[in-house]
Amino acid sequence: MADGDGPRGPRPSVLSLNINSKSALYAAYMPLLRNGGIFIPTSRGYNLGDDVFMLLSLMDDPAKLPIAGTVVWVTPAGAQNNKAQGIGVHFKSDEAGSEARRRIEALLGGVMQAQRPTHTL
């Protein structure tokens, strides 16, 4: 083994999320997080603090946004009020995370002030 090739932590898992409507984006977006974040429905087990990498597709945009993040919310199977099982991912404070937040907030516009329930609150 060459120098610098020591053991590394597990590679972040890669998730793909396609959001096709403004109402689905509103329900998934987590604006209260400093860098923004998104809820990803998944039945895979995650722990708080796990690093994840996602490919996010928004509405009619063919480009996928590659975003790194950290799990900050876990909704287990069978959660109260029939909440969807999945994880909340806080975007990293890098350019990709900032761009994702800008794009999402531009798409949501005034809807962000609504009081409708979301996947996390």
PDB file of N, CA and C in Angstrom:
ATOM      1  N   MET A   1       0.843  -1.169   0.000  1.00  0.00           N
ATOM      2  CA  MET A   1       0.000   0.000   0.000  1.00  0.00           C
ATOM      3  C   MET A   1       0.892   1.238   0.000  1.00  0.00           C
ATOM      4  N   ALA A   2       0.664   2.149  -0.932  1.00  0.00           N
ATOM      5  CA  ALA A   2       1.464   3.373  -1.023  1.00  0.00           C
ATOM      6  C   ALA A   2       1.030   4.366   0.045  1.00  0.00           C
ATOM      7  N   ASP A   3       1.946   5.271   0.389  1.00  0.00           N
ATOM      8  CA  ASP A   3       1.602   6.306   1.367  1.00  0.00           C
ATOM      9  C   ASP A   3       0.376   7.074   0.887  1.00  0.00           C
ATOM     10  N   GLY A   4      -0.503   7.416   1.827  1.00  0.00           N
ATOM     11  CA  GLY A   4      -1.703   8.161   1.477  1.00  0.00           C
ATOM     12  C   GLY A   4      -2.846   7.279   1.030  1.00  0.00           C
ATOM     13  N   ASP A   5      -2.620   5.968   0.911  1.00  0.00           N
ATOM     14  CA  ASP A   5      -3.683   5.068   0.490  1.00  0.00           C
ATOM     15  C   ASP A   5      -4.281   4.316   1.673  1.00  0.00           C
ATOM     16  N   GLY A   6      -4.158   4.876   2.855  1.00  0.00           N
ATOM     17  CA  GLY A   6      -4.676   4.219   4.058  1.00  0.00           C
ATOM     18  C   GLY A   6      -6.177   4.036   3.993  1.00  0.00           C
ATOM     19  N   PRO A   7      -6.730   3.377   4.999  1.00  0.00           N
ATOM     20  CA  PRO A   7      -8.164   3.126   4.992  1.00  0.00           C
ATOM     21  C   PRO A   7      -8.941   4.434   5.012  1.00  0.00           C
ATOM     22  N   ARG A   8      -9.991   4.439   4.296  1.00  0.00           N
ATOM     23  CA  ARG A   8     -10.874   5.597   4.246  1.00  0.00           C
ATOM     24  C   ARG A   8     -12.227   5.161   4.778  1.00  0.00           C
ATOM     25  N   GLY A   9     -13.022   6.167   5.164  1.00  0.00           N
ATOM     26  CA  GLY A   9     -14.379   5.864   5.625  1.00  0.00           C
ATOM     27  C   GLY A   9     -15.205   5.330   4.475  1.00  0.00           C
ATOM     28  N   PRO A  10     -16.379   4.825   4.778  1.00  0.00           N
ATOM     29  CA  PRO A  10     -17.228   4.320   3.704  1.00  0.00           C
ATOM     30  C   PRO A  10     -17.596   5.445   2.749  1.00  0.00           C
ATOM     31  N   ARG A  11     -17.711   5.103   1.489  1.00  0.00           N
ATOM     32  CA  ARG A  11     -18.105   6.100   0.499  1.00  0.00           C
ATOM     33  C   ARG A  11     -19.552   6.496   0.743  1.00  0.00           C
ATOM     34  N   PRO A  12     -19.882   7.779   0.545  1.00  0.00           N
ATOM     35  CA  PRO A  12     -21.275   8.183   0.729  1.00  0.00           C
ATOM     36  C   PRO A  12     -22.171   7.439  -0.246  1.00  0.00           C
ATOM     37  N   SER A  13     -23.376   7.125   0.191  1.00  0.00           N
ATOM     38  CA  SER A  13     -24.297   6.460  -0.723  1.00  0.00           C
ATOM     39  C   SER A  13     -24.856   7.494  -1.700  1.00  0.00           C
ATOM     40  N   VAL A  14     -25.249   7.042  -2.872  1.00  0.00           N
ATOM     41  CA  VAL A  14     -25.780   7.923  -3.908  1.00  0.00           C
ATOM     42  C   VAL A  14     -27.283   7.699  -4.013  1.00  0.00           C
ATOM     43  N   LEU A  15     -28.023   8.790  -3.912  1.00  0.00           N
ATOM     44  CA  LEU A  15     -29.478   8.753  -4.003  1.00  0.00           C
ATOM     45  C   LEU A  15     -29.908   9.584  -5.200  1.00  0.00           C
ATOM     46  N   SER A  16     -30.994   9.183  -5.820  1.00  0.00           N
ATOM     47  CA  SER A  16     -31.537   9.939  -6.936  1.00  0.00           C
ATOM     48  C   SER A  16     -32.951  10.362  -6.563  1.00  0.00           C
ATOM     49  N   LEU A  17     -33.268  11.628  -6.796  1.00  0.00           N
ATOM     50  CA  LEU A  17     -34.587  12.149  -6.461  1.00  0.00           C
ATOM     51  C   LEU A  17     -35.098  12.992  -7.612  1.00  0.00           C
ATOM     52  N   ASN A  18     -36.284  12.647  -8.107  1.00  0.00           N
ATOM     53  CA  ASN A  18     -36.929  13.407  -9.173  1.00  0.00           C
ATOM     54  C   ASN A  18     -38.158  14.083  -8.589  1.00  0.00           C
ATOM     55  N   ILE A  19     -38.181  15.402  -8.634  1.00  0.00           N
ATOM     56  CA  ILE A  19     -39.326  16.156  -8.135  1.00  0.00           C
ATOM     57  C   ILE A  19     -40.013  16.790  -9.334  1.00  0.00           C
ATOM     58  N   ASN A  20     -41.279  16.403  -9.544  1.00  0.00           N
ATOM     59  CA  ASN A  20     -41.983  16.792 -10.762  1.00  0.00           C
ATOM     60  C   ASN A  20     -42.998  17.907 -10.590  1.00  0.00           C
ATOM     61  N   SER A  21     -43.263  18.332  -9.347  1.00  0.00           N
ATOM     62  CA  SER A  21     -44.266  19.374  -9.160  1.00  0.00           C
ATOM     63  C   SER A  21     -43.849  20.323  -8.044  1.00  0.00           C
ATOM     64  N   LYS A  22     -44.406  21.525  -8.087  1.00  0.00           N
ATOM     65  CA  LYS A  22     -44.102  22.517  -7.071  1.00  0.00           C
ATOM     66  C   LYS A  22     -44.592  22.048  -5.706  1.00  0.00           C
ATOM     67  N   SER A  23     -45.727  21.355  -5.650  1.00  0.00           N
ATOM     68  CA  SER A  23     -46.248  20.885  -4.360  1.00  0.00           C
ATOM     69  C   SER A  23     -45.334  19.806  -3.765  1.00  0.00           C
ATOM     70  N   ALA A  24     -44.781  18.938  -4.607  1.00  0.00           N
ATOM     71  CA  ALA A  24     -43.849  17.919  -4.116  1.00  0.00           C
ATOM     72  C   ALA A  24     -42.553  18.577  -3.636  1.00  0.00           C
ATOM     73  N   LEU A  25     -42.104  19.607  -4.336  1.00  0.00           N
ATOM     74  CA  LEU A  25     -40.891  20.318  -3.937  1.00  0.00           C
ATOM     75  C   LEU A  25     -41.116  21.031  -2.607  1.00  0.00           C
ATOM     76  N   TYR A  26     -42.269  21.657  -2.451  1.00  0.00           N
ATOM     77  CA  TYR A  26     -42.593  22.336  -1.191  1.00  0.00           C
ATOM     78  C   TYR A  26     -42.568  21.345  -0.029  1.00  0.00           C
ATOM     79  N   ALA A  27     -43.163  20.176  -0.243  1.00  0.00           N
ATOM     80  CA  ALA A  27     -43.243  19.169   0.820  1.00  0.00           C
ATOM     81  C   ALA A  27     -41.876  18.608   1.182  1.00  0.00           C
ATOM     82  N   ALA A  28     -40.942  18.593   0.230  1.00  0.00           N
ATOM     83  CA  ALA A  28     -39.630  17.983   0.458  1.00  0.00           C
ATOM     84  C   ALA A  28     -38.567  18.977   0.927  1.00  0.00           C
ATOM     85  N   TYR A  29     -38.707  20.252   0.558  1.00  0.00           N
ATOM     86  CA  TYR A  29     -37.659  21.229   0.857  1.00  0.00           C
ATOM     87  C   TYR A  29     -37.611  21.545   2.351  1.00  0.00           C
ATOM     88  N   MET A  30     -36.404  21.742   2.876  1.00  0.00           N
ATOM     89  CA  MET A  30     -36.193  22.035   4.298  1.00  0.00           C
ATOM     90  C   MET A  30     -35.501  23.402   4.415  1.00  0.00           C
ATOM     91  N   PRO A  31     -36.267  24.514   4.323  1.00  0.00           N
ATOM     92  CA  PRO A  31     -35.672  25.849   4.305  1.00  0.00           C
ATOM     93  C   PRO A  31     -35.092  26.289   5.646  1.00  0.00           C
ATOM     94  N   LEU A  32     -35.471  25.646   6.728  1.00  0.00           N
ATOM     95  CA  LEU A  32     -34.971  26.059   8.038  1.00  0.00           C
ATOM     96  C   LEU A  32     -33.511  25.685   8.264  1.00  0.00           C
ATOM     97  N   LEU A  33     -32.965  24.809   7.439  1.00  0.00           N
ATOM     98  CA  LEU A  33     -31.555  24.446   7.548  1.00  0.00           C
ATOM     99  C   LEU A  33     -30.700  25.560   6.942  1.00  0.00           C
ATOM    100  N   ARG A  34     -29.576  25.856   7.558  1.00  0.00           N
ATOM    101  CA  ARG A  34     -28.721  26.984   7.151  1.00  0.00           C
ATOM    102  C   ARG A  34     -28.436  26.964   5.653  1.00  0.00           C
ATOM    103  N   ASN A  35     -28.059  25.818   5.112  1.00  0.00           N
ATOM    104  CA  ASN A  35     -27.709  25.725   3.692  1.00  0.00           C
ATOM    105  C   ASN A  35     -28.859  25.189   2.844  1.00  0.00           C
ATOM    106  N   GLY A  36     -30.013  25.008   3.457  1.00  0.00           N
ATOM    107  CA  GLY A  36     -31.127  24.374   2.761  1.00  0.00           C
ATOM    108  C   GLY A  36     -30.954  22.867   2.815  1.00  0.00           C
ATOM    109  N   GLY A  37     -32.006  22.162   2.530  1.00  0.00           N
ATOM    110  CA  GLY A  37     -31.947  20.711   2.536  1.00  0.00           C
ATOM    111  C   GLY A  37     -33.184  20.137   1.896  1.00  0.00           C
ATOM    112  N   ILE A  38     -33.219  18.818   1.797  1.00  0.00           N
ATOM    113  CA  ILE A  38     -34.346  18.175   1.130  1.00  0.00           C
ATOM    114  C   ILE A  38     -34.639  16.837   1.783  1.00  0.00           C
ATOM    115  N   PHE A  39     -35.918  16.484   1.811  1.00  0.00           N
ATOM    116  CA  PHE A  39     -36.352  15.190   2.318  1.00  0.00           C
ATOM    117  C   PHE A  39     -36.337  14.205   1.160  1.00  0.00           C
ATOM    118  N   ILE A  40     -35.721  13.043   1.391  1.00  0.00           N
ATOM    119  CA  ILE A  40     -35.637  12.007   0.361  1.00  0.00           C
ATOM    120  C   ILE A  40     -36.333  10.760   0.872  1.00  0.00           C
ATOM    121  N   PRO A  41     -37.439  10.358   0.246  1.00  0.00           N
ATOM    122  CA  PRO A  41     -38.091   9.115   0.660  1.00  0.00           C
ATOM    123  C   PRO A  41     -37.173   7.928   0.370  1.00  0.00           C
ATOM    124  N   THR A  42     -36.946   7.110   1.364  1.00  0.00           N
ATOM    125  CA  THR A  42     -36.112   5.922   1.177  1.00  0.00           C
ATOM    126  C   THR A  42     -36.394   4.936   2.303  1.00  0.00           C
ATOM    127  N   SER A  43     -36.283   3.677   2.004  1.00  0.00           N
ATOM    128  CA  SER A  43     -36.444   2.657   3.039  1.00  0.00           C
ATOM    129  C   SER A  43     -35.083   2.153   3.529  1.00  0.00           C
ATOM    130  N   ARG A  44     -33.990   2.652   2.926  1.00  0.00           N
ATOM    131  CA  ARG A  44     -32.653   2.266   3.387  1.00  0.00           C
ATOM    132  C   ARG A  44     -32.384   2.876   4.753  1.00  0.00           C
ATOM    133  N   GLY A  45     -31.629   2.178   5.572  1.00  0.00           N
ATOM    134  CA  GLY A  45     -31.311   2.670   6.901  1.00  0.00           C
ATOM    135  C   GLY A  45     -30.181   3.692   6.878  1.00  0.00           C
ATOM    136  N   TYR A  46     -30.405   4.823   7.493  1.00  0.00           N
ATOM    137  CA  TYR A  46     -29.394   5.866   7.626  1.00  0.00           C
ATOM    138  C   TYR A  46     -29.352   6.320   9.073  1.00  0.00           C
ATOM    139  N   ASN A  47     -28.231   6.884   9.462  1.00  0.00           N
ATOM    140  CA  ASN A  47     -28.071   7.458  10.794  1.00  0.00           C
ATOM    141  C   ASN A  47     -27.805   8.944  10.659  1.00  0.00           C
ATOM    142  N   LEU A  48     -28.154   9.687  11.692  1.00  0.00           N
ATOM    143  CA  LEU A  48     -27.828  11.105  11.704  1.00  0.00           C
ATOM    144  C   LEU A  48     -26.322  11.259  11.529  1.00  0.00           C
ATOM    145  N   GLY A  49     -25.916  12.199  10.697  1.00  0.00           N
ATOM    146  CA  GLY A  49     -24.496  12.443  10.445  1.00  0.00           C
ATOM    147  C   GLY A  49     -23.934  11.695   9.254  1.00  0.00           C
ATOM    148  N   ASP A  50     -24.684  10.723   8.689  1.00  0.00           N
ATOM    149  CA  ASP A  50     -24.195  10.011   7.505  1.00  0.00           C
ATOM    150  C   ASP A  50     -24.051  10.980   6.340  1.00  0.00           C
ATOM    151  N   ASP A  51     -22.972  10.834   5.578  1.00  0.00           N
ATOM    152  CA  ASP A  51     -22.791  11.610   4.357  1.00  0.00           C
ATOM    153  C   ASP A  51     -23.515  10.915   3.221  1.00  0.00           C
ATOM    154  N   VAL A  52     -24.204  11.698   2.396  1.00  0.00           N
ATOM    155  CA  VAL A  52     -24.882  11.153   1.222  1.00  0.00           C
ATOM    156  C   VAL A  52     -24.581  12.061   0.030  1.00  0.00           C
ATOM    157  N   PHE A  53     -24.738  11.513  -1.140  1.00  0.00           N
ATOM    158  CA  PHE A  53     -24.578  12.247  -2.382  1.00  0.00           C
ATOM    159  C   PHE A  53     -25.847  12.030  -3.172  1.00  0.00           C
ATOM    160  N   MET A  54     -26.435  13.105  -3.669  1.00  0.00           N
ATOM    161  CA  MET A  54     -27.695  12.945  -4.397  1.00  0.00           C
ATOM    162  C   MET A  54     -27.629  13.582  -5.773  1.00  0.00           C
ATOM    163  N   LEU A  55     -28.418  13.027  -6.650  1.00  0.00           N
ATOM    164  CA  LEU A  55     -28.646  13.599  -7.969  1.00  0.00           C
ATOM    165  C   LEU A  55     -30.096  14.047  -7.970  1.00  0.00           C
ATOM    166  N   LEU A  56     -30.308  15.357  -7.985  1.00  0.00           N
ATOM    167  CA  LEU A  56     -31.633  15.933  -7.848  1.00  0.00           C
ATOM    168  C   LEU A  56     -32.116  16.487  -9.178  1.00  0.00           C
ATOM    169  N   SER A  57     -33.292  16.035  -9.597  1.00  0.00           N
ATOM    170  CA  SER A  57     -33.932  16.553 -10.807  1.00  0.00           C
ATOM    171  C   SER A  57     -35.126  17.388 -10.375  1.00  0.00           C
ATOM    172  N   LEU A  58     -35.198  18.616 -10.887  1.00  0.00           N
ATOM    173  CA  LEU A  58     -36.281  19.527 -10.525  1.00  0.00           C
ATOM    174  C   LEU A  58     -37.166  19.837 -11.718  1.00  0.00           C
ATOM    175  N   MET A  59     -38.417  19.499 -11.589  1.00  0.00           N
ATOM    176  CA  MET A  59     -39.467  19.812 -12.559  1.00  0.00           C
ATOM    177  C   MET A  59     -39.064  19.385 -13.973  1.00  0.00           C
ATOM    178  N   ASP A  60     -39.130  20.333 -14.914  1.00  0.00           N
ATOM    179  CA  ASP A  60     -38.866  20.015 -16.323  1.00  0.00           C
ATOM    180  C   ASP A  60     -37.407  20.177 -16.717  1.00  0.00           C
ATOM    181  N   ASP A  61     -36.540  20.523 -15.760  1.00  0.00           N
ATOM    182  CA  ASP A  61     -35.130  20.736 -16.066  1.00  0.00           C
ATOM    183  C   ASP A  61     -34.444  19.394 -16.292  1.00  0.00           C
ATOM    184  N   PRO A  62     -33.875  19.164 -17.485  1.00  0.00           N
ATOM    185  CA  PRO A  62     -33.228  17.874 -17.759  1.00  0.00           C
ATOM    186  C   PRO A  62     -31.913  17.687 -16.990  1.00  0.00           C
ATOM    187  N   ALA A  63     -31.316  18.778 -16.512  1.00  0.00           N
ATOM    188  CA  ALA A  63     -30.041  18.679 -15.788  1.00  0.00           C
ATOM    189  C   ALA A  63     -30.277  18.164 -14.372  1.00  0.00           C
ATOM    190  N   LYS A  64     -29.418  17.255 -13.951  1.00  0.00           N
ATOM    191  CA  LYS A  64     -29.476  16.749 -12.586  1.00  0.00           C
ATOM    192  C   LYS A  64     -28.466  17.539 -11.752  1.00  0.00           C
ATOM    193  N   LEU A  65     -28.898  17.973 -10.567  1.00  0.00           N
ATOM    194  CA  LEU A  65     -28.003  18.707  -9.676  1.00  0.00           C
ATOM    195  C   LEU A  65     -27.266  17.704  -8.791  1.00  0.00           C
ATOM    196  N   PRO A  66     -25.942  17.648  -8.876  1.00  0.00           N
ATOM    197  CA  PRO A  66     -25.175  16.762  -7.995  1.00  0.00           C
ATOM    198  C   PRO A  66     -24.908  17.481  -6.673  1.00  0.00           C
ATOM    199  N   ILE A  67     -25.423  16.943  -5.576  1.00  0.00           N
ATOM    200  CA  ILE A  67     -25.336  17.638  -4.289  1.00  0.00           C
ATOM    201  C   ILE A  67     -24.852  16.675  -3.213  1.00  0.00           C
ATOM    202  N   ALA A  68     -23.868  17.119  -2.440  1.00  0.00           N
ATOM    203  CA  ALA A  68     -23.413  16.363  -1.271  1.00  0.00           C
ATOM    204  C   ALA A  68     -24.133  16.920  -0.057  1.00  0.00           C
ATOM    205  N   GLY A  69     -24.405  16.043   0.905  1.00  0.00           N
ATOM    206  CA  GLY A  69     -25.081  16.503   2.108  1.00  0.00           C
ATOM    207  C   GLY A  69     -24.889  15.545   3.266  1.00  0.00           C
ATOM    208  N   THR A  70     -25.500  15.921   4.386  1.00  0.00           N
ATOM    209  CA  THR A  70     -25.410  15.154   5.616  1.00  0.00           C
ATOM    210  C   THR A  70     -26.822  14.868   6.130  1.00  0.00           C
ATOM    211  N   VAL A  71     -27.058  13.641   6.572  1.00  0.00           N
ATOM    212  CA  VAL A  71     -28.370  13.279   7.111  1.00  0.00           C
ATOM    213  C   VAL A  71     -28.580  14.005   8.437  1.00  0.00           C
ATOM    214  N   VAL A  72     -29.676  14.788   8.516  1.00  0.00           N
ATOM    215  CA  VAL A  72     -29.997  15.525   9.738  1.00  0.00           C
ATOM    216  C   VAL A  72     -31.389  15.186  10.260  1.00  0.00           C
ATOM    217  N   TRP A  73     -32.110  14.326   9.549  1.00  0.00           N
ATOM    218  CA  TRP A  73     -33.478  13.976   9.917  1.00  0.00           C
ATOM    219  C   TRP A  73     -33.715  12.552   9.457  1.00  0.00           C
ATOM    220  N   VAL A  74     -34.343  11.754  10.300  1.00  0.00           N
ATOM    221  CA  VAL A  74     -34.716  10.396   9.909  1.00  0.00           C
ATOM    222  C   VAL A  74     -36.172  10.175  10.303  1.00  0.00           C
ATOM    223  N   THR A  75     -37.003   9.823   9.329  1.00  0.00           N
ATOM    224  CA  THR A  75     -38.376   9.439   9.602  1.00  0.00           C
ATOM    225  C   THR A  75     -38.447   7.925   9.407  1.00  0.00           C
ATOM    226  N   PRO A  76     -38.646   7.183  10.500  1.00  0.00           N
ATOM    227  CA  PRO A  76     -38.667   5.725  10.393  1.00  0.00           C
ATOM    228  C   PRO A  76     -39.980   5.222   9.792  1.00  0.00           C
ATOM    229  N   ALA A  77     -39.970   3.956   9.402  1.00  0.00           N
ATOM    230  CA  ALA A  77     -41.205   3.323   8.924  1.00  0.00           C
ATOM    231  C   ALA A  77     -42.226   3.365  10.055  1.00  0.00           C
ATOM    232  N   GLY A  78     -43.496   3.585   9.705  1.00  0.00           N
ATOM    233  CA  GLY A  78     -44.559   3.582  10.698  1.00  0.00           C
ATOM    234  C   GLY A  78     -44.600   4.820  11.568  1.00  0.00           C
ATOM    235  N   ALA A  79     -44.049   5.937  11.089  1.00  0.00           N
ATOM    236  CA  ALA A  79     -44.045   7.178  11.868  1.00  0.00           C
ATOM    237  C   ALA A  79     -45.463   7.694  12.060  1.00  0.00           C
ATOM    238  N   GLN A  80     -45.637   8.502  13.099  1.00  0.00           N
ATOM    239  CA  GLN A  80     -46.945   9.071  13.389  1.00  0.00           C
ATOM    240  C   GLN A  80     -47.474   9.878  12.218  1.00  0.00           C
ATOM    241  N   ASN A  81     -48.792  10.004  12.154  1.00  0.00           N
ATOM    242  CA  ASN A  81     -49.473  10.797  11.122  1.00  0.00           C
ATOM    243  C   ASN A  81     -49.154  10.344   9.706  1.00  0.00           C
ATOM    244  N   ASN A  82     -48.796   9.070   9.556  1.00  0.00           N
ATOM    245  CA  ASN A  82     -48.520   8.504   8.232  1.00  0.00           C
ATOM    246  C   ASN A  82     -47.457   9.281   7.455  1.00  0.00           C
ATOM    247  N   LYS A  83     -46.466   9.825   8.155  1.00  0.00           N
ATOM    248  CA  LYS A  83     -45.372  10.521   7.475  1.00  0.00           C
ATOM    249  C   LYS A  83     -44.592   9.524   6.631  1.00  0.00           C
ATOM    250  N   ALA A  84     -44.118   9.982   5.480  1.00  0.00           N
ATOM    251  CA  ALA A  84     -43.336   9.119   4.594  1.00  0.00           C
ATOM    252  C   ALA A  84     -42.008   8.757   5.247  1.00  0.00           C
ATOM    253  N   GLN A  85     -41.592   7.510   5.074  1.00  0.00           N
ATOM    254  CA  GLN A  85     -40.289   7.057   5.570  1.00  0.00           C
ATOM    255  C   GLN A  85     -39.206   7.680   4.712  1.00  0.00           C
ATOM    256  N   GLY A  86     -38.130   8.158   5.348  1.00  0.00           N
ATOM    257  CA  GLY A  86     -37.038   8.724   4.578  1.00  0.00           C
ATOM    258  C   GLY A  86     -36.101   9.533   5.444  1.00  0.00           C
ATOM    259  N   ILE A  87     -35.270  10.334   4.771  1.00  0.00           N
ATOM    260  CA  ILE A  87     -34.241  11.117   5.462  1.00  0.00           C
ATOM    261  C   ILE A  87     -34.277  12.575   4.997  1.00  0.00           C
ATOM    262  N   GLY A  88     -33.890  13.455   5.898  1.00  0.00           N
ATOM    263  CA  GLY A  88     -33.684  14.848   5.555  1.00  0.00           C
ATOM    264  C   GLY A  88     -32.199  15.076   5.403  1.00  0.00           C
ATOM    265  N   VAL A  89     -31.797  15.674   4.295  1.00  0.00           N
ATOM    266  CA  VAL A  89     -30.381  15.888   4.001  1.00  0.00           C
ATOM    267  C   VAL A  89     -30.087  17.379   3.953  1.00  0.00           C
ATOM    268  N   HIS A  90     -29.129  17.809   4.782  1.00  0.00           N
ATOM    269  CA  HIS A  90     -28.680  19.198   4.817  1.00  0.00           C
ATOM    270  C   HIS A  90     -27.623  19.367   3.736  1.00  0.00           C
ATOM    271  N   PHE A  91     -27.847  20.298   2.819  1.00  0.00           N
ATOM    272  CA  PHE A  91     -26.880  20.538   1.755  1.00  0.00           C
ATOM    273  C   PHE A  91     -25.561  21.019   2.342  1.00  0.00           C
ATOM    274  N   LYS A  92     -24.451  20.603   1.743  1.00  0.00           N
ATOM    275  CA  LYS A  92     -23.131  21.116   2.131  1.00  0.00           C
ATOM    276  C   LYS A  92     -23.060  22.598   1.755  1.00  0.00           C
ATOM    277  N   SER A  93     -22.164  23.333   2.383  1.00  0.00           N
ATOM    278  CA  SER A  93     -22.047  24.773   2.120  1.00  0.00           C
ATOM    279  C   SER A  93     -21.094  25.047   0.960  1.00  0.00           C
ATOM    280  N   ASP A  94     -21.111  24.176  -0.041  1.00  0.00           N
ATOM    281  CA  ASP A  94     -20.267  24.374  -1.219  1.00  0.00           C
ATOM    282  C   ASP A  94     -21.096  24.981  -2.349  1.00  0.00           C
ATOM    283  N   GLU A  95     -20.482  25.174  -3.508  1.00  0.00           N
ATOM    284  CA  GLU A  95     -21.178  25.805  -4.627  1.00  0.00           C
ATOM    285  C   GLU A  95     -22.387  24.990  -5.073  1.00  0.00           C
ATOM    286  N   ALA A  96     -22.273  23.667  -5.105  1.00  0.00           N
ATOM    287  CA  ALA A  96     -23.398  22.825  -5.535  1.00  0.00           C
ATOM    288  C   ALA A  96     -24.581  22.962  -4.565  1.00  0.00           C
ATOM    289  N   GLY A  97     -24.295  22.981  -3.274  1.00  0.00           N
ATOM    290  CA  GLY A  97     -25.361  23.145  -2.288  1.00  0.00           C
ATOM    291  C   GLY A  97     -26.018  24.506  -2.396  1.00  0.00           C
ATOM    292  N   SER A  98     -25.210  25.549  -2.589  1.00  0.00           N
ATOM    293  CA  SER A  98     -25.744  26.912  -2.738  1.00  0.00           C
ATOM    294  C   SER A  98     -26.597  27.028  -3.991  1.00  0.00           C
ATOM    295  N   GLU A  99     -26.134  26.420  -5.076  1.00  0.00           N
ATOM    296  CA  GLU A  99     -26.892  26.458  -6.331  1.00  0.00           C
ATOM    297  C   GLU A  99     -28.218  25.725  -6.175  1.00  0.00           C
ATOM    298  N   ALA A 100     -28.211  24.582  -5.510  1.00  0.00           N
ATOM    299  CA  ALA A 100     -29.450  23.834  -5.300  1.00  0.00           C
ATOM    300  C   ALA A 100     -30.444  24.670  -4.504  1.00  0.00           C
ATOM    301  N   ARG A 101     -29.968  25.300  -3.439  1.00  0.00           N
ATOM    302  CA  ARG A 101     -30.852  26.134  -2.627  1.00  0.00           C
ATOM    303  C   ARG A 101     -31.428  27.283  -3.452  1.00  0.00           C
ATOM    304  N   ARG A 102     -30.587  27.959  -4.236  1.00  0.00           N
ATOM    305  CA  ARG A 102     -31.065  29.068  -5.084  1.00  0.00           C
ATOM    306  C   ARG A 102     -32.128  28.586  -6.062  1.00  0.00           C
ATOM    307  N   ARG A 103     -31.865  27.467  -6.732  1.00  0.00           N
ATOM    308  CA  ARG A 103     -32.808  26.951  -7.731  1.00  0.00           C
ATOM    309  C   ARG A 103     -34.144  26.576  -7.087  1.00  0.00           C
ATOM    310  N   ILE A 104     -34.083  25.882  -5.947  1.00  0.00           N
ATOM    311  CA  ILE A 104     -35.309  25.458  -5.277  1.00  0.00           C
ATOM    312  C   ILE A 104     -36.109  26.664  -4.812  1.00  0.00           C
ATOM    313  N   GLU A 105     -35.444  27.629  -4.175  1.00  0.00           N
ATOM    314  CA  GLU A 105     -36.167  28.789  -3.658  1.00  0.00           C
ATOM    315  C   GLU A 105     -36.725  29.652  -4.783  1.00  0.00           C
ATOM    316  N   ALA A 106     -36.047  29.695  -5.933  1.00  0.00           N
ATOM    317  CA  ALA A 106     -36.579  30.420  -7.084  1.00  0.00           C
ATOM    318  C   ALA A 106     -37.837  29.729  -7.614  1.00  0.00           C
ATOM    319  N   LEU A 107     -37.832  28.398  -7.652  1.00  0.00           N
ATOM    320  CA  LEU A 107     -39.005  27.662  -8.114  1.00  0.00           C
ATOM    321  C   LEU A 107     -40.178  27.816  -7.160  1.00  0.00           C
ATOM    322  N   LEU A 108     -39.901  27.811  -5.866  1.00  0.00           N
ATOM    323  CA  LEU A 108     -40.978  27.895  -4.886  1.00  0.00           C
ATOM    324  C   LEU A 108     -41.519  29.311  -4.728  1.00  0.00           C
ATOM    325  N   GLY A 109     -40.678  30.319  -4.860  1.00  0.00           N
ATOM    326  CA  GLY A 109     -41.127  31.706  -4.756  1.00  0.00           C
ATOM    327  C   GLY A 109     -41.953  31.943  -3.506  1.00  0.00           C
ATOM    328  N   GLY A 110     -43.121  32.560  -3.664  1.00  0.00           N
ATOM    329  CA  GLY A 110     -43.992  32.910  -2.545  1.00  0.00           C
ATOM    330  C   GLY A 110     -44.600  31.717  -1.837  1.00  0.00           C
ATOM    331  N   VAL A 111     -44.579  30.553  -2.436  1.00  0.00           N
ATOM    332  CA  VAL A 111     -45.167  29.362  -1.821  1.00  0.00           C
ATOM    333  C   VAL A 111     -44.443  29.019  -0.518  1.00  0.00           C
ATOM    334  N   MET A 112     -43.189  29.451  -0.380  1.00  0.00           N
ATOM    335  CA  MET A 112     -42.415  29.113   0.818  1.00  0.00           C
ATOM    336  C   MET A 112     -43.047  29.657   2.084  1.00  0.00           C
ATOM    337  N   GLN A 113     -43.909  30.675   1.982  1.00  0.00           N
ATOM    338  CA  GLN A 113     -44.545  31.258   3.160  1.00  0.00           C
ATOM    339  C   GLN A 113     -45.810  30.497   3.561  1.00  0.00           C
ATOM    340  N   ALA A 114     -46.202  29.520   2.785  1.00  0.00           N
ATOM    341  CA  ALA A 114     -47.417  28.759   3.080  1.00  0.00           C
ATOM    342  C   ALA A 114     -47.274  27.999   4.378  1.00  0.00           C
ATOM    343  N   GLN A 115     -48.365  27.660   4.977  1.00  0.00           N
ATOM    344  CA  GLN A 115     -48.374  26.942   6.250  1.00  0.00           C
ATOM    345  C   GLN A 115     -48.769  25.473   6.075  1.00  0.00           C
ATOM    346  N   ARG A 116     -48.723  24.980   4.850  1.00  0.00           N
ATOM    347  CA  ARG A 116     -49.084  23.592   4.598  1.00  0.00           C
ATOM    348  C   ARG A 116     -48.050  22.664   5.219  1.00  0.00           C
ATOM    349  N   PRO A 117     -48.483  21.484   5.661  1.00  0.00           N
ATOM    350  CA  PRO A 117     -47.522  20.541   6.239  1.00  0.00           C
ATOM    351  C   PRO A 117     -46.544  20.034   5.191  1.00  0.00           C
ATOM    352  N   THR A 118     -45.345  19.657   5.673  1.00  0.00           N
ATOM    353  CA  THR A 118     -44.323  19.107   4.797  1.00  0.00           C
ATOM    354  C   THR A 118     -43.975  17.710   5.299  1.00  0.00           C
ATOM    355  N   HIS A 119     -43.004  17.070   4.666  1.00  0.00           N
ATOM    356  CA  HIS A 119     -42.592  15.734   5.092  1.00  0.00           C
ATOM    357  C   HIS A 119     -41.900  15.746   6.455  1.00  0.00           C
ATOM    358  N   THR A 120     -41.353  16.903   6.850  1.00  0.00           N
ATOM    359  CA  THR A 120     -40.605  16.948   8.094  1.00  0.00           C
ATOM    360  C   THR A 120     -41.301  17.751   9.190  1.00  0.00           C
ATOM    361  N   LEU A 121     -42.110  18.712   8.855  1.00  0.00           N
ATOM    362  CA  LEU A 121     -42.799  19.521   9.869  1.00  0.00           C
ATOM    363  C   LEU A 121     -44.269  19.613   9.605  1.00  0.00           C
TER     364      LEU A 121
END
